[in-house]
Protein backbone atom coordinates (compact mmCIF):
# COMPACT_ATOMS: atom_id res chain seq x y z
CA MET A 1 -21.92 10.54 6.41
CA LEU A 2 -22.54 14.10 7.55
CA ARG A 3 -25.28 16.04 5.85
CA SER A 4 -26.72 19.45 6.42
CA ASN A 5 -30.42 19.49 7.21
CA LYS A 6 -31.28 22.63 5.25
CA GLU A 7 -34.23 21.10 3.46
CA LYS A 8 -37.60 21.68 5.06
CA GLN A 9 -40.14 18.96 5.61
CA ASN A 10 -43.09 19.73 3.38
CA GLU A 11 -45.24 16.67 3.96
CA LEU A 12 -47.15 15.28 6.91
CA GLU A 13 -48.54 11.81 7.31
CA PHE A 14 -51.23 11.02 9.83
CA VAL A 15 -51.14 7.44 11.06
CA CYS A 16 -53.56 5.76 13.42
CA ILE A 17 -51.62 3.44 15.72
CA GLU A 18 -54.64 1.14 15.91
CA GLU A 19 -54.32 0.52 12.18
CA LEU A 20 -50.66 -0.49 12.48
CA VAL A 21 -51.36 -3.50 14.73
CA PRO A 22 -53.25 -6.36 13.06
CA GLU A 23 -56.58 -7.39 14.61
CA ASP A 24 -55.34 -10.90 15.42
CA HIS A 25 -52.04 -9.81 17.00
CA LEU A 26 -51.10 -11.41 20.33
CA LEU A 27 -50.76 -8.04 22.08
CA ARG A 28 -54.38 -7.17 21.28
CA LYS A 29 -55.46 -10.39 22.97
CA VAL A 30 -53.30 -9.68 26.02
CA ASP A 31 -54.68 -6.13 26.28
CA LYS A 32 -58.24 -7.43 26.03
CA HIS A 33 -57.88 -9.95 28.87
CA ILE A 34 -55.51 -8.29 31.33
CA ASP A 35 -56.37 -5.18 33.30
CA PHE A 36 -53.19 -3.12 33.64
CA SER A 37 -54.73 -0.42 35.84
CA PHE A 38 -52.97 -1.87 38.91
CA ILE A 39 -49.69 -0.41 37.62
CA THR A 40 -50.80 3.17 38.31
CA ASP A 41 -51.57 2.33 41.95
CA LYS A 42 -48.21 0.57 42.38
CA VAL A 43 -46.11 3.46 41.03
CA ARG A 44 -48.08 6.44 42.39
CA PRO A 45 -45.80 6.81 45.48
CA LEU A 46 -42.77 7.05 43.20
CA TYR A 47 -44.01 10.20 41.42
CA CYS A 48 -44.02 13.71 42.87
CA GLU A 49 -47.46 15.35 42.80
CA ASN A 50 -46.31 18.98 42.58
CA ASN A 51 -42.80 19.09 41.14
CA GLY A 52 -41.10 18.08 37.91
CA ARG A 53 -42.17 17.48 34.37
CA PRO A 54 -45.38 15.68 33.46
CA SER A 55 -44.72 11.97 33.22
CA ILE A 56 -45.45 9.43 30.53
CA ASP A 57 -48.30 7.16 31.54
CA PRO A 58 -46.65 4.27 33.49
CA VAL A 59 -49.03 1.77 31.86
CA VAL A 60 -47.77 2.84 28.44
CA LEU A 61 -44.17 2.43 29.61
CA PHE A 62 -44.92 -1.01 31.00
CA LYS A 63 -46.68 -2.21 27.88
């Protein structure tokens, strides 16, 4: 169904991502016990230092 988007958004909702994931979720446990900082060192040669758009954090992409 095709609709025109003439209506303006009049409301904002601020959400904390930390509040969306339960405290006992498996991913919180994984994040607590595994250091993912090695990913940055592994992918650094694949990124250009002085050209292109700013990248998304590779650790975020991996997770």
